[in-house]
Amino acid sequence: MTVLEQLELPIVGAPMAGGPSTPELAAAVSEAGGLGVLAAGYLTAGQMAERLAAVRVLTARPIGVNLFAAGGARADPALVARYAARLAPEAQRLGVELGAPRFDDDDLEAKVDHLCAEPVAVVSFTFGLPSGEVAARLRAAGSELWATVTAPDEAQRAAALGVDALVVQGVEAGGHRGVFCDDEHAADVTLLAALQLVGAGVDLPLVAAGALMTGGAVAAVLAAGAAAAQLGTAYLRTPEAGTSPVQRAATAQDAPTVLTRAFSGRTARGIVNRLHAEHGAHAPSAYPEIHHVTAPLRARARAQGDGEVINLWAGQAHVLARDLPAAQLTRALADEARAALARAGRRLGEG
């Protein structure tokens, strides 16, 4: 049986790198019958190993780990320098220096080495695909491979690699877009459209992701062909999440979201704030260089509770996030989905 077939509930806790993803959150989702996925993005291999060990203390159920795929191109240093110069007054106001615009692979090789030695049920990839060698090593260690895709062409490439499932991300999703190439040609397909298009082209289990906040939304994607729903923003206000106080408060307001490169140099959806409004249009496609440039700025603003300068990643409909323990929320979502599917069945039966 696949991991998805073994789950009691077709709910996956999305990996939310940069703070919200914690061992406690991943474990709580798995303990409730879903699949908790630990975000390894921005962590060193050692930090990932520590968090993974913490998850295993909390649950013996299947868990997943999400990695950022390597392979992006280095950005034009002149474009990065120009954007950094634009942000310099922001850093001066907060009393910090901007970070160095380094290019790295997020410690991918060392993380893969650890996951081969200490395998998990699922290793998922975002921002592209692993090499054939890495994929073979992880599968030989006993892990399923999942790939995040946003369009049919990416799904075809992932299927050719031999992945076990696809996380289909709609443009409504909070946080970074999972596109393989973040340029003007990147897909902006909504979730239901992407599910239909990807499902028509590949014969793989699909995990739907993108602004799913209620059990009714979970029911909708299951009815559309998904094997499970992956939710991230819905868990931002759970006590187990490492969400900052300012972001918790922001998600409770019915504020608009926008796709922006202002904070990381890669397109991501977050709640509109001043830094995006004043600088977003000037941000180049330069990841991870811009991520490292803005890291000290964001850290100081987060410590000061300044929501106008930090990345407030959130999906559309974020205002529907609930202040519930993660396990309770997971079970509530499943109950709501069952009720929604029953209502739909009765409605169809009336004809």
Foldseek 3Di string as FASTA:
>chain_A
DAPLVQFPAQEEADADPDFFFALQLQLLLVVLRYEYEHELAPHALVVVVVRVVVNVVRDPGAYEYEAEADDDDADDVVLLVVLLVVCVVLCVVLVHAFFFLDDDRRNVVSNLVVCLVVPTAEYEYFLADYDLVSCVSNVVSPYAYEYEEAAQVRLVVVVVSPGQEYEHEALLFWWFDRYNDQDPPTDRHGQLVRLLRNVVRDDHAYEYEHPDQALLSQLVVVVSRHSHYYDHLLCSQEPSTRHFPLLNVVLLDQADWDFFCQQALGTGIFGDAQSCVVRRVSRHNGPRRSNRRCVVSQVSCSVVSNPRRHGSIGGNVSSSHDHHHSSVRSVRSRVRNVVSVVVVVVVVVVD
